[in-house]
PDB file of N, CA and C in Angstrom:
ATOM      1  N   MET A   1      -0.853 167.115 106.715  1.00  0.00           N
ATOM      2  CA  MET A   1       0.221 167.093 105.755  1.00  0.00           C
ATOM      3  C   MET A   1      -0.176 166.166 104.606  1.00  0.00           C
ATOM      4  N   LYS A   2      -0.058 166.668 103.385  1.00  0.00           N
ATOM      5  CA  LYS A   2      -0.357 165.875 102.192  1.00  0.00           C
ATOM      6  C   LYS A   2       0.946 165.322 101.631  1.00  0.00           C
ATOM      7  N   ILE A   3       0.999 164.001 101.509  1.00  0.00           N
ATOM      8  CA  ILE A   3       2.213 163.321 101.070  1.00  0.00           C
ATOM      9  C   ILE A   3       1.905 162.472  99.842  1.00  0.00           C
ATOM     10  N   LEU A   4       2.780 162.553  98.851  1.00  0.00           N
ATOM     11  CA  LEU A   4       2.685 161.700  97.671  1.00  0.00           C
ATOM     12  C   LEU A   4       3.890 160.772  97.642  1.00  0.00           C
ATOM     13  N   ILE A   5       3.622 159.483  97.491  1.00  0.00           N
ATOM     14  CA  ILE A   5       4.675 158.493  97.298  1.00  0.00           C
ATOM     15  C   ILE A   5       4.612 158.061  95.838  1.00  0.00           C
ATOM     16  N   ILE A   6       5.745 158.097  95.157  1.00  0.00           N
ATOM     17  CA  ILE A   6       5.817 157.718  93.751  1.00  0.00           C
ATOM     18  C   ILE A   6       6.657 156.452  93.625  1.00  0.00           C
ATOM     19  N   LYS A   7       6.084 155.431  92.989  1.00  0.00           N
ATOM     20  CA  LYS A   7       6.840 154.203  92.711  1.00  0.00           C
ATOM     21  C   LYS A   7       6.399 153.649  91.362  1.00  0.00           C
ATOM     22  N   PHE A   8       7.074 154.079  90.297  1.00  0.00           N
ATOM     23  CA  PHE A   8       6.771 153.625  88.942  1.00  0.00           C
ATOM     24  C   PHE A   8       7.665 152.445  88.582  1.00  0.00           C
ATOM     25  N   ARG A   9       7.385 151.311  89.119  1.00  0.00           N
ATOM     26  CA  ARG A   9       8.119 150.095  88.774  1.00  0.00           C
ATOM     27  C   ARG A   9       7.155 148.916  88.821  1.00  0.00           C
ATOM     28  N   ASN A  10       7.686 147.735  89.044  1.00  0.00           N
ATOM     29  CA  ASN A  10       6.908 146.509  89.000  1.00  0.00           C
ATOM     30  C   ASN A  10       6.225 146.205  90.328  1.00  0.00           C
ATOM     31  N   ILE A  11       5.386 145.184  90.309  1.00  0.00           N
ATOM     32  CA  ILE A  11       4.580 144.820  91.474  1.00  0.00           C
ATOM     33  C   ILE A  11       5.447 144.576  92.705  1.00  0.00           C
ATOM     34  N   GLY A  12       6.526 143.812  92.561  1.00  0.00           N
ATOM     35  CA  GLY A  12       7.391 143.510  93.701  1.00  0.00           C
ATOM     36  C   GLY A  12       8.011 144.752  94.312  1.00  0.00           C
ATOM     37  N   ASP A  13       8.395 145.691  93.474  1.00  0.00           N
ATOM     38  CA  ASP A  13       8.966 146.948  93.966  1.00  0.00           C
ATOM     39  C   ASP A  13       7.935 147.743  94.755  1.00  0.00           C
ATOM     40  N   VAL A  14       6.704 147.749  94.260  1.00  0.00           N
ATOM     41  CA  VAL A  14       5.626 148.446  94.970  1.00  0.00           C
ATOM     42  C   VAL A  14       5.372 147.767  96.310  1.00  0.00           C
ATOM     43  N   LEU A  15       5.327 146.442  96.313  1.00  0.00           N
ATOM     44  CA  LEU A  15       5.104 145.695  97.554  1.00  0.00           C
ATOM     45  C   LEU A  15       6.189 146.006  98.585  1.00  0.00           C
ATOM     46  N   LEU A  16       7.436 146.062  98.155  1.00  0.00           N
ATOM     47  CA  LEU A  16       8.535 146.341  99.081  1.00  0.00           C
ATOM     48  C   LEU A  16       8.509 147.767  99.622  1.00  0.00           C
ATOM     49  N   SER A  17       7.778 148.647  98.973  1.00  0.00           N
ATOM     50  CA  SER A  17       7.699 150.034  99.446  1.00  0.00           C
ATOM     51  C   SER A  17       6.571 150.253 100.453  1.00  0.00           C
ATOM     52  N   THR A  18       5.704 149.272 100.642  1.00  0.00           N
ATOM     53  CA  THR A  18       4.548 149.474 101.527  1.00  0.00           C
ATOM     54  C   THR A  18       4.888 149.683 103.008  1.00  0.00           C
ATOM     55  N   PRO A  19       5.975 149.130 103.560  1.00  0.00           N
ATOM     56  CA  PRO A  19       6.281 149.444 104.964  1.00  0.00           C
ATOM     57  C   PRO A  19       6.501 150.938 105.215  1.00  0.00           C
ATOM     58  N   LEU A  20       6.931 151.650 104.199  1.00  0.00           N
ATOM     59  CA  LEU A  20       7.119 153.093 104.332  1.00  0.00           C
ATOM     60  C   LEU A  20       5.811 153.782 104.713  1.00  0.00           C
ATOM     61  N   ILE A  21       4.710 153.313 104.150  1.00  0.00           N
ATOM     62  CA  ILE A  21       3.403 153.922 104.415  1.00  0.00           C
ATOM     63  C   ILE A  21       3.062 153.824 105.894  1.00  0.00           C
ATOM     64  N   ALA A  22       3.247 152.651 106.475  1.00  0.00           N
ATOM     65  CA  ALA A  22       2.963 152.466 107.901  1.00  0.00           C
ATOM     66  C   ALA A  22       3.857 153.353 108.760  1.00  0.00           C
ATOM     67  N   ASN A  23       5.115 153.496 108.380  1.00  0.00           N
ATOM     68  CA  ASN A  23       6.027 154.352 109.142  1.00  0.00           C
ATOM     69  C   ASN A  23       5.639 155.818 109.057  1.00  0.00           C
ATOM     70  N   ILE A  24       5.226 156.255 107.887  1.00  0.00           N
ATOM     71  CA  ILE A  24       4.778 157.645 107.757  1.00  0.00           C
ATOM     72  C   ILE A  24       3.565 157.881 108.642  1.00  0.00           C
ATOM     73  N   LYS A  25       2.606 156.960 108.603  1.00  0.00           N
ATOM     74  CA  LYS A  25       1.401 157.117 109.426  1.00  0.00           C
ATOM     75  C   LYS A  25       1.727 157.071 110.919  1.00  0.00           C
ATOM     76  N   TYR A  26       2.733 156.300 111.293  1.00  0.00           N
ATOM     77  CA  TYR A  26       3.128 156.221 112.694  1.00  0.00           C
ATOM     78  C   TYR A  26       3.662 157.570 113.181  1.00  0.00           C
ATOM     79  N   TYR A  27       4.523 158.191 112.381  1.00  0.00           N
ATOM     80  CA  TYR A  27       5.136 159.461 112.771  1.00  0.00           C
ATOM     81  C   TYR A  27       4.275 160.675 112.441  1.00  0.00           C
ATOM     82  N   TYR A  28       3.403 160.543 111.465  1.00  0.00           N
ATOM     83  CA  TYR A  28       2.503 161.631 111.059  1.00  0.00           C
ATOM     84  C   TYR A  28       1.086 161.078 110.940  1.00  0.00           C
ATOM     85  N   PRO A  29       0.441 160.802 112.068  1.00  0.00           N
ATOM     86  CA  PRO A  29      -0.865 160.125 112.033  1.00  0.00           C
ATOM     87  C   PRO A  29      -1.965 160.906 111.318  1.00  0.00           C
ATOM     88  N   ASP A  30      -1.847 162.213 111.232  1.00  0.00           N
ATOM     89  CA  ASP A  30      -2.875 163.010 110.564  1.00  0.00           C
ATOM     90  C   ASP A  30      -2.570 163.250 109.087  1.00  0.00           C
ATOM     91  N   SER A  31      -1.544 162.618 108.578  1.00  0.00           N
ATOM     92  CA  SER A  31      -1.164 162.849 107.182  1.00  0.00           C
ATOM     93  C   SER A  31      -2.138 162.167 106.221  1.00  0.00           C
ATOM     94  N   ASN A  32      -2.247 162.755 105.041  1.00  0.00           N
ATOM     95  CA  ASN A  32      -2.995 162.154 103.933  1.00  0.00           C
ATOM     96  C   ASN A  32      -1.969 161.655 102.934  1.00  0.00           C
ATOM     97  N   ILE A  33      -1.990 160.361 102.664  1.00  0.00           N
ATOM     98  CA  ILE A  33      -0.993 159.750 101.795  1.00  0.00           C
ATOM     99  C   ILE A  33      -1.641 159.303 100.493  1.00  0.00           C
ATOM    100  N   ASP A  34      -1.082 159.767  99.385  1.00  0.00           N
ATOM    101  CA  ASP A  34      -1.469 159.306  98.059  1.00  0.00           C
ATOM    102  C   ASP A  34      -0.306 158.507  97.489  1.00  0.00           C
ATOM    103  N   PHE A  35      -0.625 157.558  96.619  1.00  0.00           N
ATOM    104  CA  PHE A  35       0.395 156.685  96.044  1.00  0.00           C
ATOM    105  C   PHE A  35       0.238 156.685  94.531  1.00  0.00           C
ATOM    106  N   ALA A  36       1.286 157.086  93.807  1.00  0.00           N
ATOM    107  CA  ALA A  36       1.278 157.083  92.342  1.00  0.00           C
ATOM    108  C   ALA A  36       2.093 155.895  91.848  1.00  0.00           C
ATOM    109  N   LEU A  37       1.487 155.112  90.944  1.00  0.00           N
ATOM    110  CA  LEU A  37       2.150 153.918  90.442  1.00  0.00           C
ATOM    111  C   LEU A  37       1.661 153.556  89.051  1.00  0.00           C
ATOM    112  N   ASN A  38       2.318 152.590  88.441  1.00  0.00           N
ATOM    113  CA  ASN A  38       1.944 152.129  87.110  1.00  0.00           C
ATOM    114  C   ASN A  38       0.704 151.253  87.160  1.00  0.00           C
ATOM    115  N   LYS A  39      -0.069 151.299  86.078  1.00  0.00           N
ATOM    116  CA  LYS A  39      -1.235 150.428  85.957  1.00  0.00           C
ATOM    117  C   LYS A  39      -0.783 148.973  86.042  1.00  0.00           C
ATOM    118  N   GLY A  40      -1.545 148.192  86.773  1.00  0.00           N
ATOM    119  CA  GLY A  40      -1.212 146.792  86.985  1.00  0.00           C
ATOM    120  C   GLY A  40      -0.585 146.541  88.340  1.00  0.00           C
ATOM    121  N   CYS A  41      -0.157 147.602  89.007  1.00  0.00           N
ATOM    122  CA  CYS A  41       0.463 147.475  90.335  1.00  0.00           C
ATOM    123  C   CYS A  41      -0.465 147.946  91.449  1.00  0.00           C
ATOM    124  N   GLU A  42      -1.599 148.513  91.091  1.00  0.00           N
ATOM    125  CA  GLU A  42      -2.476 149.106  92.102  1.00  0.00           C
ATOM    126  C   GLU A  42      -3.041 148.083  93.082  1.00  0.00           C
ATOM    127  N   GLU A  43      -3.094 146.803  92.688  1.00  0.00           N
ATOM    128  CA  GLU A  43      -3.604 145.775  93.590  1.00  0.00           C
ATOM    129  C   GLU A  43      -2.741 145.630  94.841  1.00  0.00           C
ATOM    130  N   MET A  44      -1.476 146.004  94.738  1.00  0.00           N
ATOM    131  CA  MET A  44      -0.561 145.871  95.873  1.00  0.00           C
ATOM    132  C   MET A  44      -0.881 146.850  96.997  1.00  0.00           C
ATOM    133  N   VAL A  45      -1.533 147.958  96.673  1.00  0.00           N
ATOM    134  CA  VAL A  45      -1.844 148.955  97.697  1.00  0.00           C
ATOM    135  C   VAL A  45      -3.349 149.176  97.860  1.00  0.00           C
ATOM    136  N   TYR A  46      -4.143 148.589  96.952  1.00  0.00           N
ATOM    137  CA  TYR A  46      -5.594 148.743  97.037  1.00  0.00           C
ATOM    138  C   TYR A  46      -6.100 148.146  98.349  1.00  0.00           C
ATOM    139  N   GLY A  47      -6.947 148.877  99.029  1.00  0.00           N
ATOM    140  CA  GLY A  47      -7.502 148.423 100.291  1.00  0.00           C
ATOM    141  C   GLY A  47      -6.661 148.781 101.504  1.00  0.00           C
ATOM    142  N   ASN A  48      -5.504 149.370 101.297  1.00  0.00           N
ATOM    143  CA  ASN A  48      -4.666 149.796 102.417  1.00  0.00           C
ATOM    144  C   ASN A  48      -5.329 151.012 103.060  1.00  0.00           C
ATOM    145  N   PRO A  49      -5.760 150.895 104.312  1.00  0.00           N
ATOM    146  CA  PRO A  49      -6.492 151.995 104.951  1.00  0.00           C
ATOM    147  C   PRO A  49      -5.644 153.242 105.195  1.00  0.00           C
ATOM    148  N   GLU A  50      -4.333 153.118 105.084  1.00  0.00           N
ATOM    149  CA  GLU A  50      -3.457 154.265 105.312  1.00  0.00           C
ATOM    150  C   GLU A  50      -3.238 155.101 104.048  1.00  0.00           C
ATOM    151  N   ILE A  51      -3.722 154.614 102.912  1.00  0.00           N
ATOM    152  CA  ILE A  51      -3.599 155.342 101.647  1.00  0.00           C
ATOM    153  C   ILE A  51      -4.931 155.999 101.329  1.00  0.00           C
ATOM    154  N   ASN A  52      -4.897 157.302 101.105  1.00  0.00           N
ATOM    155  CA  ASN A  52      -6.116 158.045 100.800  1.00  0.00           C
ATOM    156  C   ASN A  52      -6.503 157.970  99.330  1.00  0.00           C
ATOM    157  N   ASN A  53      -5.508 157.958  98.443  1.00  0.00           N
ATOM    158  CA  ASN A  53      -5.797 158.010  97.018  1.00  0.00           C
ATOM    159  C   ASN A  53      -4.707 157.267  96.251  1.00  0.00           C
ATOM    160  N   ILE A  54      -5.128 156.453  95.291  1.00  0.00           N
ATOM    161  CA  ILE A  54      -4.195 155.754  94.417  1.00  0.00           C
ATOM    162  C   ILE A  54      -4.263 156.423  93.051  1.00  0.00           C
ATOM    163  N   ILE A  55      -3.121 156.880  92.567  1.00  0.00           N
ATOM    164  CA  ILE A  55      -3.038 157.554  91.272  1.00  0.00           C
ATOM    165  C   ILE A  55      -2.337 156.601  90.306  1.00  0.00           C
ATOM    166  N   VAL A  56      -3.068 156.169  89.291  1.00  0.00           N
ATOM    167  CA  VAL A  56      -2.560 155.160  88.364  1.00  0.00           C
ATOM    168  C   VAL A  56      -2.114 155.811  87.063  1.00  0.00           C
ATOM    169  N   TYR A  57      -0.900 155.489  86.653  1.00  0.00           N
ATOM    170  CA  TYR A  57      -0.362 155.947  85.374  1.00  0.00           C
ATOM    171  C   TYR A  57      -0.470 154.783  84.393  1.00  0.00           C
ATOM    172  N   ASP A  58      -1.300 154.950  83.382  1.00  0.00           N
ATOM    173  CA  ASP A  58      -1.577 153.875  82.423  1.00  0.00           C
ATOM    174  C   ASP A  58      -0.559 153.900  81.280  1.00  0.00           C
ATOM    175  N   ARG A  59       0.644 153.479  81.580  1.00  0.00           N
ATOM    176  CA  ARG A  59       1.742 153.508  80.608  1.00  0.00           C
ATOM    177  C   ARG A  59       1.444 152.696  79.338  1.00  0.00           C
ATOM    178  N   PRO A  60       0.905 151.466  79.422  1.00  0.00           N
ATOM    179  CA  PRO A  60       0.637 150.715  78.185  1.00  0.00           C
ATOM    180  C   PRO A  60      -0.319 151.441  77.236  1.00  0.00           C
ATOM    181  N   ARG A  61      -1.345 152.062  77.766  1.00  0.00           N
ATOM    182  CA  ARG A  61      -2.297 152.792  76.922  1.00  0.00           C
ATOM    183  C   ARG A  61      -1.632 154.010  76.293  1.00  0.00           C
ATOM    184  N   ILE A  62      -0.865 154.742  77.081  1.00  0.00           N
ATOM    185  CA  ILE A  62      -0.228 155.965  76.596  1.00  0.00           C
ATOM    186  C   ILE A  62       0.833 155.655  75.534  1.00  0.00           C
ATOM    187  N   LYS A  63       1.556 154.549  75.692  1.00  0.00           N
ATOM    188  CA  LYS A  63       2.593 154.176  74.721  1.00  0.00           C
ATOM    189  C   LYS A  63       2.012 153.893  73.332  1.00  0.00           C
ATOM    190  N   LYS A  64       0.734 153.537  73.261  1.00  0.00           N
ATOM    191  CA  LYS A  64       0.086 153.234  71.984  1.00  0.00           C
ATOM    192  C   LYS A  64      -0.350 154.493  71.239  1.00  0.00           C
ATOM    193  N   LEU A  65      -0.329 155.633  71.910  1.00  0.00           N
ATOM    194  CA  LEU A  65      -0.773 156.886  71.306  1.00  0.00           C
ATOM    195  C   LEU A  65       0.322 157.490  70.433  1.00  0.00           C
ATOM    196  N   GLY A  66      -0.062 158.436  69.605  1.00  0.00           N
ATOM    197  CA  GLY A  66       0.916 159.196  68.835  1.00  0.00           C
ATOM    198  C   GLY A  66       1.727 160.087  69.755  1.00  0.00           C
ATOM    199  N   ILE A  67       2.819 160.610  69.257  1.00  0.00           N
ATOM    200  CA  ILE A  67       3.743 161.386  70.088  1.00  0.00           C
ATOM    201  C   ILE A  67       3.089 162.620  70.699  1.00  0.00           C
ATOM    202  N   LEU A  68       2.276 163.339  69.943  1.00  0.00           N
ATOM    203  CA  LEU A  68       1.614 164.525  70.497  1.00  0.00           C
ATOM    204  C   LEU A  68       0.611 164.147  71.576  1.00  0.00           C
ATOM    205  N   SER A  69      -0.108 163.063  71.360  1.00  0.00           N
ATOM    206  CA  SER A  69      -1.058 162.596  72.372  1.00  0.00           C
ATOM    207  C   SER A  69      -0.329 162.125  73.622  1.00  0.00           C
ATOM    208  N   GLN A  70       0.839 161.502  73.453  1.00  0.00           N
ATOM    209  CA  GLN A  70       1.633 161.081  74.607  1.00  0.00           C
ATOM    210  C   GLN A  70       2.058 162.289  75.434  1.00  0.00           C
ATOM    211  N   ILE A  71       2.519 163.325  74.760  1.00  0.00           N
ATOM    212  CA  ILE A  71       2.934 164.546  75.455  1.00  0.00           C
ATOM    213  C   ILE A  71       1.751 165.166  76.182  1.00  0.00           C
ATOM    214  N   PHE A  72       0.596 165.221  75.521  1.00  0.00           N
ATOM    215  CA  PHE A  72      -0.606 165.765  76.148  1.00  0.00           C
ATOM    216  C   PHE A  72      -0.984 164.965  77.392  1.00  0.00           C
ATOM    217  N   GLU A  73      -0.922 163.637  77.308  1.00  0.00           N
ATOM    218  CA  GLU A  73      -1.256 162.786  78.458  1.00  0.00           C
ATOM    219  C   GLU A  73      -0.275 162.999  79.610  1.00  0.00           C
ATOM    220  N   GLU A  74       1.005 163.169  79.294  1.00  0.00           N
ATOM    221  CA  GLU A  74       2.014 163.443  80.327  1.00  0.00           C
ATOM    222  C   GLU A  74       1.714 164.761  81.040  1.00  0.00           C
ATOM    223  N   ILE A  75       1.389 165.777  80.261  1.00  0.00           N
ATOM    224  CA  ILE A  75       1.066 167.085  80.842  1.00  0.00           C
ATOM    225  C   ILE A  75      -0.183 166.985  81.703  1.00  0.00           C
ATOM    226  N   LYS A  76      -1.189 166.286  81.217  1.00  0.00           N
ATOM    227  CA  LYS A  76      -2.438 166.127  81.970  1.00  0.00           C
ATOM    228  C   LYS A  76      -2.191 165.391  83.291  1.00  0.00           C
ATOM    229  N   PHE A  77      -1.387 164.328  83.249  1.00  0.00           N
ATOM    230  CA  PHE A  77      -1.072 163.565  84.454  1.00  0.00           C
ATOM    231  C   PHE A  77      -0.309 164.430  85.453  1.00  0.00           C
ATOM    232  N   THR A  78       0.672 165.178  84.965  1.00  0.00           N
ATOM    233  CA  THR A  78       1.463 166.050  85.834  1.00  0.00           C
ATOM    234  C   THR A  78       0.600 167.148  86.447  1.00  0.00           C
ATOM    235  N   ARG A  79      -0.283 167.733  85.671  1.00  0.00           N
ATOM    236  CA  ARG A  79      -1.185 168.764  86.207  1.00  0.00           C
ATOM    237  C   ARG A  79      -2.100 168.195  87.280  1.00  0.00           C
ATOM    238  N   ASN A  80      -2.570 166.975  87.070  1.00  0.00           N
ATOM    239  CA  ASN A  80      -3.404 166.323  88.079  1.00  0.00           C
ATOM    240  C   ASN A  80      -2.639 166.174  89.389  1.00  0.00           C
ATOM    241  N   ILE A  81      -1.393 165.735  89.297  1.00  0.00           N
ATOM    242  CA  ILE A  81      -0.552 165.596  90.492  1.00  0.00           C
ATOM    243  C   ILE A  81      -0.338 166.959  91.138  1.00  0.00           C
ATOM    244  N   ARG A  82       0.017 167.927  90.326  1.00  0.00           N
ATOM    245  CA  ARG A  82       0.321 169.267  90.844  1.00  0.00           C
ATOM    246  C   ARG A  82      -0.887 169.919  91.518  1.00  0.00           C
ATOM    247  N   SER A  83      -2.071 169.661  91.016  1.00  0.00           N
ATOM    248  CA  SER A  83      -3.283 170.279  91.563  1.00  0.00           C
ATOM    249  C   SER A  83      -3.575 169.837  92.992  1.00  0.00           C
ATOM    250  N   ASN A  84      -2.940 168.762  93.437  1.00  0.00           N
ATOM    251  CA  ASN A  84      -3.159 168.277  94.800  1.00  0.00           C
ATOM    252  C   ASN A  84      -2.343 169.023  95.847  1.00  0.00           C
ATOM    253  N   ASN A  85      -1.416 169.860  95.422  1.00  0.00           N
ATOM    254  CA  ASN A  85      -0.619 170.694  96.339  1.00  0.00           C
ATOM    255  C   ASN A  85      -0.008 169.894  97.490  1.00  0.00           C
ATOM    256  N   TYR A  86       0.814 168.925  97.154  1.00  0.00           N
ATOM    257  CA  TYR A  86       1.436 168.090  98.178  1.00  0.00           C
ATOM    258  C   TYR A  86       2.468 168.879  98.972  1.00  0.00           C
ATOM    259  N   ASP A  87       2.530 168.590 100.268  1.00  0.00           N
ATOM    260  CA  ASP A  87       3.546 169.182 101.130  1.00  0.00           C
ATOM    261  C   ASP A  87       4.884 168.466 100.960  1.00  0.00           C
ATOM    262  N   THR A  88       4.815 167.160 100.750  1.00  0.00           N
ATOM    263  CA  THR A  88       6.010 166.340 100.601  1.00  0.00           C
ATOM    264  C   THR A  88       5.782 165.311  99.503  1.00  0.00           C
ATOM    265  N   VAL A  89       6.793 165.118  98.668  1.00  0.00           N
ATOM    266  CA  VAL A  89       6.755 164.076  97.645  1.00  0.00           C
ATOM    267  C   VAL A  89       7.951 163.165  97.878  1.00  0.00           C
ATOM    268  N   ILE A  90       7.677 161.871  98.011  1.00  0.00           N
ATOM    269  CA  ILE A  90       8.726 160.880  98.216  1.00  0.00           C
ATOM    270  C   ILE A  90       8.818 160.044  96.948  1.00  0.00           C
ATOM    271  N   ASN A  91       9.919 160.189  96.243  1.00  0.00           N
ATOM    272  CA  ASN A  91      10.119 159.477  94.985  1.00  0.00           C
ATOM    273  C   ASN A  91      10.962 158.235  95.239  1.00  0.00           C
ATOM    274  N   LEU A  92      10.357 157.071  95.109  1.00  0.00           N
ATOM    275  CA  LEU A  92      11.065 155.807  95.303  1.00  0.00           C
ATOM    276  C   LEU A  92      11.494 155.184  93.979  1.00  0.00           C
ATOM    277  N   THR A  93      11.277 155.899  92.896  1.00  0.00           N
ATOM    278  CA  THR A  93      11.600 155.392  91.564  1.00  0.00           C
ATOM    279  C   THR A  93      12.921 155.979  91.094  1.00  0.00           C
ATOM    280  N   GLU A  94      13.843 155.105  90.733  1.00  0.00           N
ATOM    281  CA  GLU A  94      15.086 155.593  90.155  1.00  0.00           C
ATOM    282  C   GLU A  94      14.830 155.942  88.695  1.00  0.00           C
ATOM    283  N   GLY A  95      15.561 156.888  88.191  1.00  0.00           N
ATOM    284  CA  GLY A  95      15.393 157.281  86.796  1.00  0.00           C
ATOM    285  C   GLY A  95      14.727 158.629  86.647  1.00  0.00           C
ATOM    286  N   ASP A  96      14.565 159.027  85.391  1.00  0.00           N
ATOM    287  CA  ASP A  96      14.098 160.380  85.113  1.00  0.00           C
ATOM    288  C   ASP A  96      12.593 160.574  85.259  1.00  0.00           C
ATOM    289  N   ARG A  97      11.776 159.560  85.028  1.00  0.00           N
ATOM    290  CA  ARG A  97      10.316 159.728  85.069  1.00  0.00           C
ATOM    291  C   ARG A  97       9.853 160.186  86.452  1.00  0.00           C
ATOM    292  N   GLY A  98      10.242 159.487  87.484  1.00  0.00           N
ATOM    293  CA  GLY A  98       9.858 159.867  88.835  1.00  0.00           C
ATOM    294  C   GLY A  98      10.472 161.182  89.265  1.00  0.00           C
ATOM    295  N   ALA A  99      11.709 161.435  88.830  1.00  0.00           N
ATOM    296  CA  ALA A  99      12.379 162.693  89.178  1.00  0.00           C
ATOM    297  C   ALA A  99      11.658 163.885  88.565  1.00  0.00           C
ATOM    298  N   GLN A 100      11.239 163.749  87.317  1.00  0.00           N
ATOM    299  CA  GLN A 100      10.509 164.832  86.664  1.00  0.00           C
ATOM    300  C   GLN A 100       9.178 165.092  87.358  1.00  0.00           C
ATOM    301  N   LEU A 101       8.462 164.034  87.671  1.00  0.00           N
ATOM    302  CA  LEU A 101       7.171 164.201  88.335  1.00  0.00           C
ATOM    303  C   LEU A 101       7.351 164.820  89.715  1.00  0.00           C
ATOM    304  N   THR A 102       8.379 164.409  90.436  1.00  0.00           N
ATOM    305  CA  THR A 102       8.663 164.994  91.744  1.00  0.00           C
ATOM    306  C   THR A 102       8.956 166.481  91.611  1.00  0.00           C
ATOM    307  N   TYR A 103       9.765 166.843  90.649  1.00  0.00           N
ATOM    308  CA  TYR A 103      10.130 168.245  90.442  1.00  0.00           C
ATOM    309  C   TYR A 103       8.903 169.099  90.123  1.00  0.00           C
ATOM    310  N   PHE A 104       8.046 168.626  89.248  1.00  0.00           N
ATOM    311  CA  PHE A 104       6.903 169.421  88.814  1.00  0.00           C
ATOM    312  C   PHE A 104       5.723 169.376  89.778  1.00  0.00           C
ATOM    313  N   SER A 105       5.763 168.504  90.752  1.00  0.00           N
ATOM    314  CA  SER A 105       4.653 168.452  91.704  1.00  0.00           C
ATOM    315  C   SER A 105       4.919 169.380  92.866  1.00  0.00           C
TER     316      SER A 105
END
């Protein structure tokens, strides 16, 4: 089972979401877990043996781009997520950004 966990918030929020990973692995030991988060928060999950792939969204870099480039980067990021064909997506981020990514993945 391929699972994506999305947490687009700050370091502390990402840290508080890490027990979920252990619980998923406990109940689904053969699952592959990917974690999508904002740049600067990846240190909180880097080295976790239960995470197969860390997907980093570089929001500060993208915010500096022009509007068309921002849209292109959003589409590219979403396509990258979608290409992984996840069986389950767990969105831990409140708000529209995580909801949109969950819907399109």
